[in-house]
C-alpha atoms as a PDB file:
ATOM      1  CA  MET A   1     -35.338 -22.453 -10.906  1.00  0.00           C
ATOM      2  CA  LEU A   2     -33.064 -20.033  -9.035  1.00  0.00           C
ATOM      3  CA  ARG A   3     -31.595 -20.580  -5.569  1.00  0.00           C
ATOM      4  CA  TYR A   4     -29.963 -18.050  -3.248  1.00  0.00           C
ATOM      5  CA  ARG A   5     -28.274 -18.254   0.124  1.00  0.00           C
ATOM      6  CA  VAL A   6     -28.893 -15.032   2.027  1.00  0.00           C
ATOM      7  CA  PRO A   7     -27.617 -14.077   5.489  1.00  0.00           C
ATOM      8  CA  ALA A   8     -29.584 -12.886   8.475  1.00  0.00           C
ATOM      9  CA  SER A   9     -28.975  -9.319   9.556  1.00  0.00           C
ATOM     10  CA  THR A  10     -29.112  -7.163  12.632  1.00  0.00           C
ATOM     11  CA  THR A  11     -30.046  -3.525  12.198  1.00  0.00           C
ATOM     12  CA  ASN A  12     -30.216  -0.148  13.926  1.00  0.00           C
ATOM     13  CA  LEU A  13     -27.259  -1.129  16.139  1.00  0.00           C
ATOM     14  CA  GLY A  14     -28.680   1.064  18.835  1.00  0.00           C
ATOM     15  CA  HIS A  15     -28.901   4.567  17.427  1.00  0.00           C
ATOM     16  CA  GLY A  16     -28.556   4.009  13.667  1.00  0.00           C
ATOM     17  CA  PHE A  17     -32.298   3.725  13.100  1.00  0.00           C
ATOM     18  CA  ASP A  18     -33.121   2.463   9.584  1.00  0.00           C
ATOM     19  CA  CYS A  19     -29.563   2.992   8.342  1.00  0.00           C
ATOM     20  CA  LEU A  20     -27.014   0.711  10.072  1.00  0.00           C
ATOM     21  CA  GLY A  21     -26.877  -3.034   9.526  1.00  0.00           C
ATOM     22  CA  MET A  22     -24.626  -6.055   9.910  1.00  0.00           C
ATOM     23  CA  ALA A  23     -24.794  -9.485   8.291  1.00  0.00           C
ATOM     24  CA  LEU A  24     -24.855 -12.491  10.610  1.00  0.00           C
ATOM     25  CA  GLY A  25     -23.516 -15.988  10.003  1.00  0.00           C
ATOM     26  CA  LEU A  26     -27.024 -17.472   9.897  1.00  0.00           C
ATOM     27  CA  TYR A  27     -28.584 -18.130   6.512  1.00  0.00           C
ATOM     28  CA  ASN A  28     -31.790 -18.835   4.649  1.00  0.00           C
ATOM     29  CA  GLU A  29     -31.818 -20.744   1.400  1.00  0.00           C
ATOM     30  CA  VAL A  30     -34.496 -19.341  -0.896  1.00  0.00           C
ATOM     31  CA  THR A  31     -35.600 -21.380  -3.919  1.00  0.00           C
ATOM     32  CA  LEU A  32     -37.551 -19.507  -6.580  1.00  0.00           C
ATOM     33  CA  ASP A  33     -39.516 -21.235  -9.312  1.00  0.00           C
ATOM     34  CA  THR A  34     -42.161 -20.215 -11.807  1.00  0.00           C
ATOM     35  CA  ARG A  35     -44.256 -23.121 -10.514  1.00  0.00           C
ATOM     36  CA  ALA A  36     -45.320 -23.779  -6.939  1.00  0.00           C
ATOM     37  CA  ALA A  37     -43.510 -26.722  -5.375  1.00  0.00           C
ATOM     38  CA  PRO A  38     -46.182 -29.274  -4.378  1.00  0.00           C
ATOM     39  CA  GLY A  39     -46.321 -29.820  -0.650  1.00  0.00           C
ATOM     40  CA  ALA A  40     -43.438 -27.423   0.014  1.00  0.00           C
ATOM     41  CA  PRO A  41     -43.325 -26.183   3.623  1.00  0.00           C
ATOM     42  CA  ASP A  42     -44.173 -22.510   3.934  1.00  0.00           C
ATOM     43  CA  GLU A  43     -43.628 -21.477   7.515  1.00  0.00           C
ATOM     44  CA  HIS A  44     -43.520 -17.849   6.402  1.00  0.00           C
ATOM     45  CA  GLY A  45     -47.246 -18.013   5.712  1.00  0.00           C
ATOM     46  CA  PRO A  46     -49.499 -17.136   2.777  1.00  0.00           C
ATOM     47  CA  GLY A  47     -47.950 -13.684   2.364  1.00  0.00           C
ATOM     48  CA  LEU A  48     -44.986 -15.076   0.423  1.00  0.00           C
ATOM     49  CA  LEU A  49     -46.723 -14.973  -2.936  1.00  0.00           C
ATOM     50  CA  ALA A  50     -48.015 -11.443  -2.328  1.00  0.00           C
ATOM     51  CA  LEU A  51     -44.449 -10.451  -1.441  1.00  0.00           C
ATOM     52  CA  SER A  52     -43.208 -11.961  -4.690  1.00  0.00           C
ATOM     53  CA  GLU A  53     -45.867 -10.058  -6.636  1.00  0.00           C
ATOM     54  CA  ARG A  54     -44.785  -6.780  -4.996  1.00  0.00           C
ATOM     55  CA  VAL A  55     -41.126  -7.327  -5.816  1.00  0.00           C
ATOM     56  CA  ARG A  56     -42.023  -8.339  -9.378  1.00  0.00           C
ATOM     57  CA  ALA A  57     -43.961  -5.097  -9.874  1.00  0.00           C
ATOM     58  CA  LEU A  58     -41.053  -3.024  -8.573  1.00  0.00           C
ATOM     59  CA  ALA A  59     -38.583  -4.992 -10.694  1.00  0.00           C
ATOM     60  CA  GLY A  60     -40.742  -4.469 -13.779  1.00  0.00           C
ATOM     61  CA  ALA A  61     -40.715  -0.729 -13.158  1.00  0.00           C
ATOM     62  CA  ARG A  62     -36.943  -0.730 -12.615  1.00  0.00           C
ATOM     63  CA  TRP A  63     -36.167  -2.817 -15.725  1.00  0.00           C
ATOM     64  CA  PRO A  64     -39.075  -2.089 -18.103  1.00  0.00           C
ATOM     65  CA  SER A  65     -37.212  -3.233 -21.201  1.00  0.00           C
ATOM     66  CA  ALA A  66     -37.465  -6.814 -19.935  1.00  0.00           C
ATOM     67  CA  GLY A  67     -41.192  -6.999 -20.642  1.00  0.00           C
ATOM     68  CA  ALA A  68     -43.498  -9.078 -18.461  1.00  0.00           C
ATOM     69  CA  LEU A  69     -41.658 -10.997 -15.750  1.00  0.00           C
ATOM     70  CA  PRO A  70     -42.997 -14.391 -14.620  1.00  0.00           C
ATOM     71  CA  LEU A  71     -44.237 -14.696 -11.054  1.00  0.00           C
ATOM     72  CA  LEU A  72     -41.772 -16.567  -8.855  1.00  0.00           C
ATOM     73  CA  HIS A  73     -42.918 -18.947  -6.120  1.00  0.00           C
ATOM     74  CA  PRO A  74     -40.527 -18.835  -3.135  1.00  0.00           C
ATOM     75  CA  THR A  75     -39.687 -21.755  -0.876  1.00  0.00           C
ATOM     76  CA  VAL A  76     -37.632 -20.897   2.205  1.00  0.00           C
ATOM     77  CA  ARG A  77     -35.504 -23.145   4.377  1.00  0.00           C
ATOM     78  CA  GLY A  78     -32.847 -22.164   6.837  1.00  0.00           C
ATOM     79  CA  GLU A  79     -31.739 -20.818  10.168  1.00  0.00           C
ATOM     80  CA  VAL A  80     -33.221 -17.316  10.379  1.00  0.00           C
ATOM     81  CA  PRO A  81     -36.129 -17.178  12.848  1.00  0.00           C
ATOM     82  CA  ILE A  82     -39.290 -15.374  11.781  1.00  0.00           C
ATOM     83  CA  ALA A  83     -40.325 -12.040  13.338  1.00  0.00           C
ATOM     84  CA  ARG A  84     -37.336 -11.964  15.701  1.00  0.00           C
ATOM     85  CA  GLY A  85     -35.568  -8.897  14.326  1.00  0.00           C
ATOM     86  CA  MET A  86     -32.966 -10.729  12.230  1.00  0.00           C
ATOM     87  CA  GLY A  87     -34.160  -9.888   8.747  1.00  0.00           C
ATOM     88  CA  SER A  88     -36.058 -13.043   7.844  1.00  0.00           C
ATOM     89  CA  SER A  89     -38.236 -11.166   5.344  1.00  0.00           C
ATOM     90  CA  ALA A  90     -35.181  -9.362   3.964  1.00  0.00           C
ATOM     91  CA  THR A  91     -33.569 -12.691   3.014  1.00  0.00           C
ATOM     92  CA  ILE A  92     -36.581 -13.469   0.827  1.00  0.00           C
ATOM     93  CA  ILE A  93     -36.877  -9.973  -0.635  1.00  0.00           C
ATOM     94  CA  VAL A  94     -33.185  -9.843  -1.563  1.00  0.00           C
ATOM     95  CA  ALA A  95     -33.391 -13.271  -3.217  1.00  0.00           C
ATOM     96  CA  LEU A  96     -36.474 -12.172  -5.178  1.00  0.00           C
ATOM     97  CA  ALA A  97     -34.884  -8.885  -6.295  1.00  0.00           C
ATOM     98  CA  LEU A  98     -31.732 -10.652  -7.492  1.00  0.00           C
ATOM     99  CA  ALA A  99     -33.754 -13.368  -9.231  1.00  0.00           C
ATOM    100  CA  TYR A 100     -35.999 -10.892 -11.045  1.00  0.00           C
ATOM    101  CA  GLN A 101     -32.867  -9.045 -12.153  1.00  0.00           C
ATOM    102  CA  VAL A 102     -31.632 -12.289 -13.721  1.00  0.00           C
ATOM    103  CA  LEU A 103     -34.991 -12.880 -15.410  1.00  0.00           C
ATOM    104  CA  ALA A 104     -34.984  -9.294 -16.687  1.00  0.00           C
ATOM    105  CA  GLY A 105     -31.805 -10.150 -18.571  1.00  0.00           C
ATOM    106  CA  VAL A 106     -29.876  -7.114 -17.341  1.00  0.00           C
ATOM    107  CA  ALA A 107     -26.283  -7.176 -16.159  1.00  0.00           C
ATOM    108  CA  ARG A 108     -25.819  -8.143 -12.529  1.00  0.00           C
ATOM    109  CA  ASP A 109     -25.971  -4.955 -10.476  1.00  0.00           C
ATOM    110  CA  PRO A 110     -26.343  -5.358  -6.692  1.00  0.00           C
ATOM    111  CA  ASP A 111     -27.008  -1.619  -6.251  1.00  0.00           C
ATOM    112  CA  SER A 112     -29.928  -1.695  -8.667  1.00  0.00           C
ATOM    113  CA  ALA A 113     -31.329  -4.865  -7.086  1.00  0.00           C
ATOM    114  CA  LEU A 114     -30.913  -3.229  -3.687  1.00  0.00           C
ATOM    115  CA  GLY A 115     -33.123  -0.346  -4.799  1.00  0.00           C
ATOM    116  CA  VAL A 116     -35.894  -2.825  -5.652  1.00  0.00           C
ATOM    117  CA  ALA A 117     -35.408  -4.695  -2.381  1.00  0.00           C
ATOM    118  CA  ALA A 118     -35.414  -1.518  -0.268  1.00  0.00           C
ATOM    119  CA  ALA A 119     -38.626  -0.315  -1.904  1.00  0.00           C
ATOM    120  CA  ALA A 120     -40.263  -3.681  -1.210  1.00  0.00           C
ATOM    121  CA  GLU A 121     -39.048  -3.820   2.397  1.00  0.00           C
ATOM    122  CA  GLY A 122     -39.868  -0.173   3.120  1.00  0.00           C
ATOM    123  CA  HIS A 123     -36.465   0.589   4.662  1.00  0.00           C
ATOM    124  CA  PRO A 124     -32.968  -0.165   3.353  1.00  0.00           C
ATOM    125  CA  ASP A 125     -31.023  -1.361   6.403  1.00  0.00           C
ATOM    126  CA  ASN A 126     -31.777  -5.111   6.474  1.00  0.00           C
ATOM    127  CA  VAL A 127     -31.653  -5.597   2.718  1.00  0.00           C
ATOM    128  CA  ALA A 128     -28.315  -3.781   2.418  1.00  0.00           C
ATOM    129  CA  ALA A 129     -26.641  -6.049   4.975  1.00  0.00           C
ATOM    130  CA  ALA A 130     -28.310  -9.168   3.557  1.00  0.00           C
ATOM    131  CA  CYS A 131     -27.313  -8.346  -0.010  1.00  0.00           C
ATOM    132  CA  LEU A 132     -23.778  -7.057   0.552  1.00  0.00           C
ATOM    133  CA  GLY A 133     -22.646  -8.732   3.780  1.00  0.00           C
ATOM    134  CA  GLY A 134     -20.390  -7.034   6.315  1.00  0.00           C
ATOM    135  CA  PHE A 135     -21.217  -3.803   8.146  1.00  0.00           C
ATOM    136  CA  THR A 136     -23.398  -1.557   6.013  1.00  0.00           C
ATOM    137  CA  LEU A 137     -24.792   1.954   5.960  1.00  0.00           C
ATOM    138  CA  ALA A 138     -27.815   2.681   3.794  1.00  0.00           C
ATOM    139  CA  GLY A 139     -30.051   5.633   3.060  1.00  0.00           C
ATOM    140  CA  GLU A 140     -32.381   7.124   0.480  1.00  0.00           C
ATOM    141  CA  VAL A 141     -31.016  10.106  -1.494  1.00  0.00           C
ATOM    142  CA  ASP A 142     -33.084  11.686  -4.269  1.00  0.00           C
ATOM    143  CA  GLY A 143     -35.154   8.538  -4.633  1.00  0.00           C
ATOM    144  CA  THR A 144     -32.203   6.142  -4.854  1.00  0.00           C
ATOM    145  CA  THR A 145     -30.697   3.844  -2.251  1.00  0.00           C
ATOM    146  CA  ARG A 146     -27.090   4.642  -1.430  1.00  0.00           C
ATOM    147  CA  THR A 147     -24.932   2.270   0.563  1.00  0.00           C
ATOM    148  CA  ALA A 148     -21.465   2.014   2.059  1.00  0.00           C
ATOM    149  CA  ARG A 149     -19.936  -1.247   3.167  1.00  0.00           C
ATOM    150  CA  PHE A 150     -17.135  -2.143   5.572  1.00  0.00           C
ATOM    151  CA  ALA A 151     -15.744  -5.547   6.464  1.00  0.00           C
ATOM    152  CA  ALA A 152     -17.381  -7.314   9.375  1.00  0.00           C
ATOM    153  CA  PRO A 153     -15.505  -6.627  12.626  1.00  0.00           C
ATOM    154  CA  ARG A 154     -12.694  -9.008  13.490  1.00  0.00           C
ATOM    155  CA  GLY A 155     -12.410 -10.456  16.982  1.00  0.00           C
ATOM    156  CA  LEU A 156     -16.084  -9.792  17.756  1.00  0.00           C
ATOM    157  CA  CYS A 157     -19.164 -11.968  17.538  1.00  0.00           C
ATOM    158  CA  ALA A 158     -22.825 -11.815  18.491  1.00  0.00           C
ATOM    159  CA  VAL A 159     -24.498 -13.404  21.501  1.00  0.00           C
ATOM    160  CA  LEU A 160     -28.196 -13.594  20.686  1.00  0.00           C
ATOM    161  CA  ALA A 161     -30.947 -13.740  23.299  1.00  0.00           C
ATOM    162  CA  ILE A 162     -33.939 -14.921  21.255  1.00  0.00           C
ATOM    163  CA  PRO A 163     -37.280 -14.874  23.109  1.00  0.00           C
ATOM    164  CA  SER A 164     -39.997 -17.338  22.162  1.00  0.00           C
ATOM    165  CA  PHE A 165     -42.405 -14.555  21.192  1.00  0.00           C
ATOM    166  CA  GLU A 166     -42.580 -12.659  17.915  1.00  0.00           C
ATOM    167  CA  VAL A 167     -42.515  -8.902  17.404  1.00  0.00           C
ATOM    168  CA  LYS A 168     -44.087  -7.696  14.183  1.00  0.00           C
ATOM    169  CA  THR A 169     -42.232  -4.813  12.549  1.00  0.00           C
ATOM    170  CA  SER A 170     -45.515  -3.071  11.777  1.00  0.00           C
ATOM    171  CA  GLU A 171     -46.491  -3.084  15.447  1.00  0.00           C
ATOM    172  CA  ALA A 172     -43.034  -1.965  16.569  1.00  0.00           C
ATOM    173  CA  ARG A 173     -43.218   0.993  14.181  1.00  0.00           C
ATOM    174  CA  ARG A 174     -46.754   1.911  15.176  1.00  0.00           C
ATOM    175  CA  ILE A 175     -45.778   2.605  18.799  1.00  0.00           C
ATOM    176  CA  LEU A 176     -43.028   5.087  17.844  1.00  0.00           C
ATOM    177  CA  PRO A 177     -43.728   8.818  18.214  1.00  0.00           C
ATOM    178  CA  PRO A 178     -44.089  10.918  15.056  1.00  0.00           C
ATOM    179  CA  ASP A 179     -41.448  13.446  16.224  1.00  0.00           C
ATOM    180  CA  LEU A 180     -38.182  13.452  18.174  1.00  0.00           C
ATOM    181  CA  THR A 181     -37.025  15.875  20.815  1.00  0.00           C
ATOM    182  CA  ARG A 182     -33.911  17.830  19.971  1.00  0.00           C
ATOM    183  CA  SER A 183     -31.922  15.963  22.647  1.00  0.00           C
ATOM    184  CA  ASP A 184     -32.960  12.568  21.231  1.00  0.00           C
ATOM    185  CA  ALA A 185     -32.066  13.646  17.698  1.00  0.00           C
ATOM    186  CA  VAL A 186     -28.666  14.991  18.742  1.00  0.00           C
ATOM    187  CA  ARG A 187     -27.863  11.862  20.770  1.00  0.00           C
ATOM    188  CA  ALA A 188     -28.832   9.617  17.859  1.00  0.00           C
ATOM    189  CA  LEU A 189     -26.648  11.563  15.416  1.00  0.00           C
ATOM    190  CA  GLN A 190     -23.653  11.660  17.747  1.00  0.00           C
ATOM    191  CA  ARG A 191     -23.799   7.993  18.722  1.00  0.00           C
ATOM    192  CA  THR A 192     -24.420   6.814  15.163  1.00  0.00           C
ATOM    193  CA  ALA A 193     -21.370   8.723  13.944  1.00  0.00           C
ATOM    194  CA  LEU A 194     -19.226   7.287  16.738  1.00  0.00           C
ATOM    195  CA  ILE A 195     -20.471   3.723  16.121  1.00  0.00           C
ATOM    196  CA  VAL A 196     -19.659   3.992  12.406  1.00  0.00           C
ATOM    197  CA  ALA A 197     -16.193   5.377  13.174  1.00  0.00           C
ATOM    198  CA  ALA A 198     -15.459   2.599  15.672  1.00  0.00           C
ATOM    199  CA  PHE A 199     -16.481  -0.161  13.253  1.00  0.00           C
ATOM    200  CA  ALA A 200     -14.643   1.486  10.351  1.00  0.00           C
ATOM    201  CA  ARG A 201     -11.453   1.563  12.477  1.00  0.00           C
ATOM    202  CA  SER A 202     -12.095  -1.932  13.905  1.00  0.00           C
ATOM    203  CA  ASP A 203     -11.816  -0.354  17.365  1.00  0.00           C
ATOM    204  CA  ALA A 204     -13.909  -2.592  19.607  1.00  0.00           C
ATOM    205  CA  GLN A 205     -13.120  -0.703  22.797  1.00  0.00           C
ATOM    206  CA  ALA A 206     -14.440   2.524  21.276  1.00  0.00           C
ATOM    207  CA  LEU A 207     -17.872   0.876  21.004  1.00  0.00           C
ATOM    208  CA  ARG A 208     -18.320   0.683  24.764  1.00  0.00           C
ATOM    209  CA  GLY A 209     -21.084   2.919  26.066  1.00  0.00           C
ATOM    210  CA  LEU A 210     -22.467   3.800  22.643  1.00  0.00           C
ATOM    211  CA  PHE A 211     -25.507   1.520  22.391  1.00  0.00           C
ATOM    212  CA  ALA A 212     -27.722   2.495  25.333  1.00  0.00           C
ATOM    213  CA  ASP A 213     -30.363   5.245  25.377  1.00  0.00           C
ATOM    214  CA  ALA A 214     -31.577   4.771  21.799  1.00  0.00           C
ATOM    215  CA  TRP A 215     -34.828   6.694  21.437  1.00  0.00           C
ATOM    216  CA  HIS A 216     -36.724   3.928  19.628  1.00  0.00           C
ATOM    217  CA  GLU A 217     -35.673   1.292  22.184  1.00  0.00           C
ATOM    218  CA  ARG A 218     -37.256   3.397  24.926  1.00  0.00           C
ATOM    219  CA  PHE A 219     -40.657   2.840  23.292  1.00  0.00           C
ATOM    220  CA  ARG A 220     -40.033  -0.661  21.990  1.00  0.00           C
ATOM    221  CA  ALA A 221     -39.057  -1.877  25.443  1.00  0.00           C
ATOM    222  CA  ARG A 222     -42.798  -2.316  25.994  1.00  0.00           C
ATOM    223  CA  LEU A 223     -42.757  -5.056  23.366  1.00  0.00           C
ATOM    224  CA  ASN A 224     -39.323  -6.333  24.438  1.00  0.00           C
ATOM    225  CA  PRO A 225     -39.404  -6.386  28.260  1.00  0.00           C
ATOM    226  CA  ASP A 226     -36.139  -8.348  28.638  1.00  0.00           C
ATOM    227  CA  LEU A 227     -33.967  -5.756  26.898  1.00  0.00           C
ATOM    228  CA  GLU A 228     -32.499  -3.901  29.860  1.00  0.00           C
ATOM    229  CA  GLU A 229     -31.910  -7.032  31.933  1.00  0.00           C
ATOM    230  CA  VAL A 230     -30.068  -8.733  29.073  1.00  0.00           C
ATOM    231  CA  ARG A 231     -28.052  -5.556  28.464  1.00  0.00           C
ATOM    232  CA  ARG A 232     -27.047  -5.357  32.139  1.00  0.00           C
ATOM    233  CA  LEU A 233     -26.096  -9.055  32.363  1.00  0.00           C
ATOM    234  CA  ALA A 234     -24.205  -9.147  29.057  1.00  0.00           C
ATOM    235  CA  GLU A 235     -22.219  -5.975  29.602  1.00  0.00           C
ATOM    236  CA  ALA A 236     -21.356  -6.997  33.160  1.00  0.00           C
ATOM    237  CA  SER A 237     -19.964 -10.226  31.659  1.00  0.00           C
ATOM    238  CA  GLY A 238     -17.781  -8.494  29.068  1.00  0.00           C
ATOM    239  CA  ALA A 239     -19.996  -7.471  26.119  1.00  0.00           C
ATOM    240  CA  VAL A 240     -18.915  -4.189  24.509  1.00  0.00           C
ATOM    241  CA  GLY A 241     -22.549  -3.272  23.836  1.00  0.00           C
ATOM    242  CA  THR A 242     -26.099  -4.591  23.579  1.00  0.00           C
ATOM    243  CA  HIS A 243     -28.950  -3.493  21.339  1.00  0.00           C
ATOM    244  CA  LEU A 244     -32.377  -4.560  20.195  1.00  0.00           C
ATOM    245  CA  SER A 245     -31.901  -6.366  16.908  1.00  0.00           C
ATOM    246  CA  GLY A 246     -34.173  -4.581  14.462  1.00  0.00           C
ATOM    247  CA  SER A 247     -37.615  -4.334  16.055  1.00  0.00           C
ATOM    248  CA  GLY A 248     -36.927  -7.310  18.323  1.00  0.00           C
ATOM    249  CA  SER A 249     -37.629  -9.628  19.927  1.00  0.00           C
ATOM    250  CA  THR A 250     -33.972 -10.720  19.624  1.00  0.00           C
ATOM    251  CA  ILE A 251     -31.524  -8.851  21.830  1.00  0.00           C
ATOM    252  CA  LEU A 252     -27.991  -8.859  20.439  1.00  0.00           C
ATOM    253  CA  SER A 253     -24.809  -8.352  22.426  1.00  0.00           C
ATOM    254  CA  ILE A 254     -21.540  -7.554  20.663  1.00  0.00           C
ATOM    255  CA  VAL A 255     -18.899  -9.595  22.440  1.00  0.00           C
ATOM    256  CA  PRO A 256     -15.151 -10.224  22.069  1.00  0.00           C
ATOM    257  CA  THR A 257     -14.948 -13.708  20.560  1.00  0.00           C
ATOM    258  CA  ALA A 258     -12.808 -14.959  23.449  1.00  0.00           C
ATOM    259  CA  LEU A 259     -15.599 -14.095  25.913  1.00  0.00           C
ATOM    260  CA  ALA A 260     -18.556 -15.358  23.867  1.00  0.00           C
ATOM    261  CA  GLU A 261     -18.988 -18.690  25.644  1.00  0.00           C
ATOM    262  CA  LEU A 262     -18.759 -17.020  29.057  1.00  0.00           C
ATOM    263  CA  VAL A 263     -21.325 -14.349  28.199  1.00  0.00           C
ATOM    264  CA  ALA A 264     -23.663 -16.918  26.641  1.00  0.00           C
ATOM    265  CA  ALA A 265     -23.386 -19.236  29.657  1.00  0.00           C
ATOM    266  CA  ARG A 266     -24.161 -16.443  32.111  1.00  0.00           C
ATOM    267  CA  LEU A 267     -27.162 -15.341  30.084  1.00  0.00           C
ATOM    268  CA  ARG A 268     -28.471 -18.910  29.852  1.00  0.00           C
ATOM    269  CA  SER A 269     -28.131 -19.332  33.594  1.00  0.00           C
ATOM    270  CA  ALA A 270     -29.805 -16.036  34.452  1.00  0.00           C
ATOM    271  CA  LEU A 271     -32.614 -16.377  31.917  1.00  0.00           C
ATOM    272  CA  SER A 272     -33.490 -20.041  32.436  1.00  0.00           C
ATOM    273  CA  GLY A 273     -36.816 -21.157  33.819  1.00  0.00           C
ATOM    274  CA  ARG A 274     -38.824 -18.260  32.400  1.00  0.00           C
ATOM    275  CA  GLU A 275     -42.484 -18.606  31.545  1.00  0.00           C
ATOM    276  CA  ARG A 276     -41.569 -17.330  28.092  1.00  0.00           C
ATOM    277  CA  PRO A 277     -38.286 -19.103  27.237  1.00  0.00           C
ATOM    278  CA  ILE A 278     -35.292 -17.239  25.847  1.00  0.00           C
ATOM    279  CA  GLU A 279     -32.837 -19.143  23.660  1.00  0.00           C
ATOM    280  CA  VAL A 280     -29.222 -17.974  23.807  1.00  0.00           C
ATOM    281  CA  ARG A 281     -27.038 -18.549  20.747  1.00  0.00           C
ATOM    282  CA  ILE A 282     -23.650 -17.419  19.493  1.00  0.00           C
ATOM    283  CA  ALA A 283     -23.347 -16.194  15.898  1.00  0.00           C
ATOM    284  CA  THR A 284     -20.535 -14.762  13.855  1.00  0.00           C
ATOM    285  CA  PHE A 285     -20.641 -11.499  11.950  1.00  0.00           C
ATOM    286  CA  SER A 286     -20.334 -12.332   8.265  1.00  0.00           C
ATOM    287  CA  ASP A 287     -18.746 -10.729   5.226  1.00  0.00           C
ATOM    288  CA  GLN A 288     -20.733 -13.053   2.968  1.00  0.00           C
ATOM    289  CA  GLY A 289     -23.704 -11.410   1.343  1.00  0.00           C
ATOM    290  CA  ALA A 290     -26.341 -13.025  -0.858  1.00  0.00           C
ATOM    291  CA  GLU A 291     -24.939 -15.667  -3.208  1.00  0.00           C
ATOM    292  CA  ARG A 292     -26.531 -17.590  -6.032  1.00  0.00           C
ATOM    293  CA  LEU A 293     -26.315 -21.349  -5.547  1.00  0.00           C
ATOM    294  CA  ASP A 294     -27.692 -22.700  -8.822  1.00  0.00           C
ATOM    295  CA  ALA A 295     -25.320 -20.875 -11.168  1.00  0.00           C
END
């Protein structure tokens, strides 16, 4: 039996579509066994075993010298809400990739495990942040996943507005256009570069004004109708920026730690009494990536 503690993640960070990510101080504990645990709760649904089979196939192709790998049965407990844009599936995929690497008998190599996890997830941003912790950049180059990691920002935290409804990543991707206008592409490149530079320099003030007008959020606002109101309220209360976390439905505001309680209280007050409730929580940004608990 193998057990991993894997952090939640927020991705895109506005304009860094499918490449920027940040680990959050919320965690899932994923237990992996070659036998199904009798009566184990499985709130993630029947797709867990199919997910494990997919990761096993990719791991077998990555480490063929290991021979046949046993199928692992995941059990998940923790704090990361499902289908809310905080990388719930990535926590499981990262745990599976790391566990199959152990079973393959190869030396521990987070980069190699990340390649398996990114292929299983279909995009590398969540799995990079979940595996490595901190602020991460990820992309595919010549068929391999390349990453860069920076420490999580100091003096900043996340205020999360978590609606009661789910947004499926597949649906959120389906509504996106197949092509970008030149102006959208240029804006995305410019803002992504500036966001990376600000985080790399730990310059919180340089983040202001960089998160709005993301091309994908313009379309995903249909699935996340509270986005612009939360952005307006949070930034008026002191947030340095607000973005849709992943595909949603969570809306994340980056806030100076000293103002977090104030921003959260104002959001709770303004968003209370809705037909579809919105939970407001404060979370840290975390440098802790996936860690094995049973070793």
